[in-house]
Amino acid sequence: MLQTIEAIVEKNGTVRLLEPIHPKQSIRALLTLLEPVEEKSTIRANRPLREFVGILKDSTIFSGDPVALQREMRDEWD
């Protein structure tokens, strides 16, 4: 099974995973380097769900009839 794990590679080459993993055996991994992390990074692992509650309530993207919106999103795949 393929799984993507977010990590930060420190200046000294140390790889810091941003979420815990618990493999049952040794596994191979590939590391893809992305853009540099800003020094004042807001990346945090294990953020509580309550931080996200209501965050999209005023979004115009999700305004209107929720059932119609869901149907429209599903129909995009057909």
N, C-alpha and C. Protein backbone atom coordinates (compact mmCIF):
# COMPACT_ATOMS: atom_id res chain seq x y z
N MET A 1 0.84 -1.18 0.00
CA MET A 1 0.00 0.00 0.00
C MET A 1 0.89 1.25 0.00
N LEU A 2 0.59 2.18 -0.87
CA LEU A 2 1.31 3.44 -0.91
C LEU A 2 0.65 4.41 0.06
N GLN A 3 1.47 5.18 0.74
CA GLN A 3 0.96 6.15 1.71
C GLN A 3 1.86 7.37 1.64
N THR A 4 1.28 8.55 1.67
CA THR A 4 2.06 9.78 1.67
C THR A 4 2.09 10.33 3.08
N ILE A 5 3.29 10.66 3.54
CA ILE A 5 3.49 11.21 4.88
C ILE A 5 4.18 12.56 4.71
N GLU A 6 3.66 13.60 5.34
CA GLU A 6 4.30 14.91 5.27
C GLU A 6 5.46 14.95 6.26
N ALA A 7 6.56 15.51 5.82
CA ALA A 7 7.75 15.59 6.67
C ALA A 7 8.51 16.87 6.36
N ILE A 8 9.41 17.24 7.26
CA ILE A 8 10.30 18.38 7.04
C ILE A 8 11.73 17.86 7.10
N VAL A 9 12.53 18.25 6.11
CA VAL A 9 13.94 17.92 6.13
C VAL A 9 14.68 19.12 6.70
N GLU A 10 15.31 18.94 7.84
CA GLU A 10 16.03 20.03 8.50
C GLU A 10 17.32 20.35 7.75
N LYS A 11 17.93 21.49 8.05
CA LYS A 11 19.17 21.92 7.40
C LYS A 11 20.28 20.89 7.54
N ASN A 12 20.29 20.14 8.64
CA ASN A 12 21.35 19.15 8.85
C ASN A 12 21.02 17.81 8.20
N GLY A 13 19.88 17.71 7.49
CA GLY A 13 19.51 16.48 6.80
C GLY A 13 18.59 15.58 7.58
N THR A 14 18.29 15.92 8.82
CA THR A 14 17.38 15.12 9.62
C THR A 14 15.97 15.23 9.05
N VAL A 15 15.28 14.10 8.94
CA VAL A 15 13.91 14.08 8.44
C VAL A 15 12.98 13.98 9.64
N ARG A 16 12.05 14.95 9.74
CA ARG A 16 11.10 14.99 10.85
C ARG A 16 9.70 14.76 10.30
N LEU A 17 9.08 13.64 10.67
CA LEU A 17 7.72 13.34 10.23
C LEU A 17 6.73 14.22 10.97
N LEU A 18 5.71 14.70 10.27
CA LEU A 18 4.71 15.57 10.89
C LEU A 18 3.50 14.79 11.39
N GLU A 19 3.53 13.49 11.24
CA GLU A 19 2.49 12.64 11.80
C GLU A 19 3.13 11.30 12.14
N PRO A 20 2.63 10.63 13.16
CA PRO A 20 3.24 9.36 13.56
C PRO A 20 2.90 8.24 12.58
N ILE A 21 3.83 7.33 12.39
CA ILE A 21 3.56 6.12 11.62
C ILE A 21 4.01 4.93 12.45
N HIS A 22 3.38 3.79 12.22
CA HIS A 22 3.70 2.60 12.99
C HIS A 22 3.78 1.40 12.05
N PRO A 23 4.86 1.31 11.25
CA PRO A 23 4.96 0.17 10.33
C PRO A 23 5.18 -1.13 11.10
N LYS A 24 4.62 -2.21 10.56
CA LYS A 24 4.77 -3.51 11.21
C LYS A 24 6.10 -4.17 10.87
N GLN A 25 6.79 -3.63 9.86
CA GLN A 25 8.09 -4.14 9.45
C GLN A 25 8.85 -3.01 8.77
N SER A 26 10.10 -3.25 8.43
CA SER A 26 10.88 -2.24 7.73
C SER A 26 10.25 -2.00 6.36
N ILE A 27 10.20 -0.74 5.94
CA ILE A 27 9.61 -0.40 4.65
C ILE A 27 10.55 0.52 3.89
N ARG A 28 10.45 0.48 2.59
CA ARG A 28 11.20 1.39 1.74
C ARG A 28 10.42 2.69 1.61
N ALA A 29 11.12 3.78 1.35
CA ALA A 29 10.46 5.07 1.20
C ALA A 29 11.19 5.89 0.15
N LEU A 30 10.47 6.75 -0.52
CA LEU A 30 11.03 7.72 -1.44
C LEU A 30 10.77 9.10 -0.85
N LEU A 31 11.73 9.97 -0.97
CA LEU A 31 11.59 11.32 -0.43
C LEU A 31 11.58 12.31 -1.58
N THR A 32 10.51 13.08 -1.71
CA THR A 32 10.40 14.11 -2.73
C THR A 32 10.59 15.45 -2.07
N LEU A 33 11.56 16.22 -2.51
CA LEU A 33 11.82 17.53 -1.91
C LEU A 33 10.93 18.57 -2.57
N LEU A 34 10.25 19.35 -1.75
CA LEU A 34 9.35 20.40 -2.20
C LEU A 34 9.98 21.75 -1.93
N GLU A 35 9.17 22.81 -1.90
CA GLU A 35 9.69 24.15 -1.66
C GLU A 35 10.20 24.28 -0.22
N PRO A 36 11.10 25.20 0.01
CA PRO A 36 11.62 25.39 1.38
C PRO A 36 10.52 25.82 2.34
N VAL A 37 10.66 25.43 3.59
CA VAL A 37 9.73 25.81 4.64
C VAL A 37 10.19 27.16 5.18
N GLU A 38 9.24 28.09 5.32
CA GLU A 38 9.58 29.40 5.89
C GLU A 38 9.96 29.22 7.35
N GLU A 39 10.83 30.06 7.83
CA GLU A 39 11.28 29.97 9.23
C GLU A 39 10.12 30.09 10.20
N LYS A 40 9.13 30.90 9.87
CA LYS A 40 7.98 31.10 10.75
C LYS A 40 6.84 30.18 10.31
N SER A 41 7.14 28.92 10.09
CA SER A 41 6.17 27.96 9.61
C SER A 41 5.04 27.75 10.61
N THR A 42 3.84 27.60 10.08
CA THR A 42 2.69 27.32 10.93
C THR A 42 2.30 25.85 10.84
N ILE A 43 3.15 25.04 10.23
CA ILE A 43 2.85 23.62 10.10
C ILE A 43 2.90 22.97 11.47
N ARG A 44 1.81 22.29 11.82
CA ARG A 44 1.76 21.57 13.09
C ARG A 44 1.09 20.24 12.86
N ALA A 45 1.57 19.24 13.51
CA ALA A 45 0.94 17.93 13.43
C ALA A 45 -0.13 17.82 14.51
N ASN A 46 -1.09 16.96 14.26
CA ASN A 46 -2.11 16.64 15.26
C ASN A 46 -2.91 17.85 15.73
N ARG A 47 -3.35 18.68 14.78
CA ARG A 47 -4.18 19.81 15.16
C ARG A 47 -5.56 19.32 15.57
N PRO A 48 -6.13 19.85 16.65
CA PRO A 48 -7.45 19.39 17.08
C PRO A 48 -8.53 19.79 16.07
N LEU A 49 -9.50 18.93 15.92
CA LEU A 49 -10.58 19.15 14.96
C LEU A 49 -11.35 20.43 15.25
N ARG A 50 -11.45 20.83 16.50
CA ARG A 50 -12.22 22.03 16.84
C ARG A 50 -11.65 23.30 16.18
N GLU A 51 -10.37 23.27 15.77
CA GLU A 51 -9.79 24.43 15.07
C GLU A 51 -10.42 24.63 13.70
N PHE A 52 -11.03 23.58 13.14
CA PHE A 52 -11.57 23.65 11.80
C PHE A 52 -13.09 23.83 11.77
N VAL A 53 -13.74 23.72 12.92
CA VAL A 53 -15.19 23.83 12.98
C VAL A 53 -15.61 25.24 12.58
N GLY A 54 -16.52 25.32 11.60
CA GLY A 54 -17.07 26.59 11.17
C GLY A 54 -16.18 27.41 10.27
N ILE A 55 -15.02 26.89 9.88
CA ILE A 55 -14.07 27.70 9.11
C ILE A 55 -14.60 28.06 7.72
N LEU A 56 -15.50 27.24 7.17
CA LEU A 56 -16.02 27.51 5.83
C LEU A 56 -17.44 28.08 5.84
N LYS A 57 -17.96 28.44 7.01
CA LYS A 57 -19.36 28.86 7.09
C LYS A 57 -19.68 30.10 6.26
N ASP A 58 -18.72 30.99 6.08
CA ASP A 58 -18.96 32.21 5.31
C ASP A 58 -18.39 32.13 3.89
N SER A 59 -17.96 30.94 3.49
CA SER A 59 -17.37 30.77 2.16
C SER A 59 -18.45 30.83 1.08
N THR A 60 -18.20 31.59 0.03
CA THR A 60 -19.15 31.66 -1.08
C THR A 60 -19.12 30.39 -1.93
N ILE A 61 -18.06 29.63 -1.83
CA ILE A 61 -17.94 28.39 -2.61
C ILE A 61 -19.01 27.39 -2.19
N PHE A 62 -19.34 27.34 -0.91
CA PHE A 62 -20.28 26.37 -0.40
C PHE A 62 -21.64 26.97 -0.07
N SER A 63 -21.97 28.11 -0.66
CA SER A 63 -23.27 28.71 -0.39
C SER A 63 -24.33 28.06 -1.29
N GLY A 64 -25.56 28.16 -0.91
CA GLY A 64 -26.64 27.58 -1.69
C GLY A 64 -27.13 26.28 -1.10
N ASP A 65 -27.87 25.54 -1.91
CA ASP A 65 -28.47 24.27 -1.47
C ASP A 65 -27.39 23.20 -1.33
N PRO A 66 -27.19 22.66 -0.12
CA PRO A 66 -26.13 21.67 0.07
C PRO A 66 -26.32 20.39 -0.73
N VAL A 67 -27.57 19.96 -0.92
CA VAL A 67 -27.82 18.74 -1.70
C VAL A 67 -27.47 18.97 -3.16
N ALA A 68 -27.86 20.11 -3.70
CA ALA A 68 -27.53 20.44 -5.09
C ALA A 68 -26.02 20.54 -5.27
N LEU A 69 -25.34 21.12 -4.30
CA LEU A 69 -23.89 21.23 -4.36
C LEU A 69 -23.23 19.86 -4.39
N GLN A 70 -23.70 18.94 -3.55
CA GLN A 70 -23.15 17.58 -3.53
C GLN A 70 -23.38 16.87 -4.85
N ARG A 71 -24.58 17.02 -5.40
CA ARG A 71 -24.87 16.39 -6.70
C ARG A 71 -23.96 16.95 -7.79
N GLU A 72 -23.77 18.25 -7.78
CA GLU A 72 -22.91 18.89 -8.77
C GLU A 72 -21.47 18.39 -8.66
N MET A 73 -20.99 18.24 -7.43
CA MET A 73 -19.63 17.76 -7.23
C MET A 73 -19.49 16.31 -7.70
N ARG A 74 -20.48 15.48 -7.41
CA ARG A 74 -20.43 14.08 -7.86
C ARG A 74 -20.50 13.99 -9.39
N ASP A 75 -21.33 14.84 -10.01
CA ASP A 75 -21.49 14.81 -11.47
C ASP A 75 -20.23 15.22 -12.22
N GLU A 76 -19.31 15.92 -11.54
CA GLU A 76 -18.06 16.32 -12.19
C GLU A 76 -17.24 15.11 -12.61
N TRP A 77 -17.43 13.98 -11.92
CA TRP A 77 -16.62 12.79 -12.20
C TRP A 77 -17.20 11.95 -13.35
N ASP A 78 -18.43 12.24 -13.75
CA ASP A 78 -19.05 11.45 -14.83
C ASP A 78 -18.61 11.92 -16.18
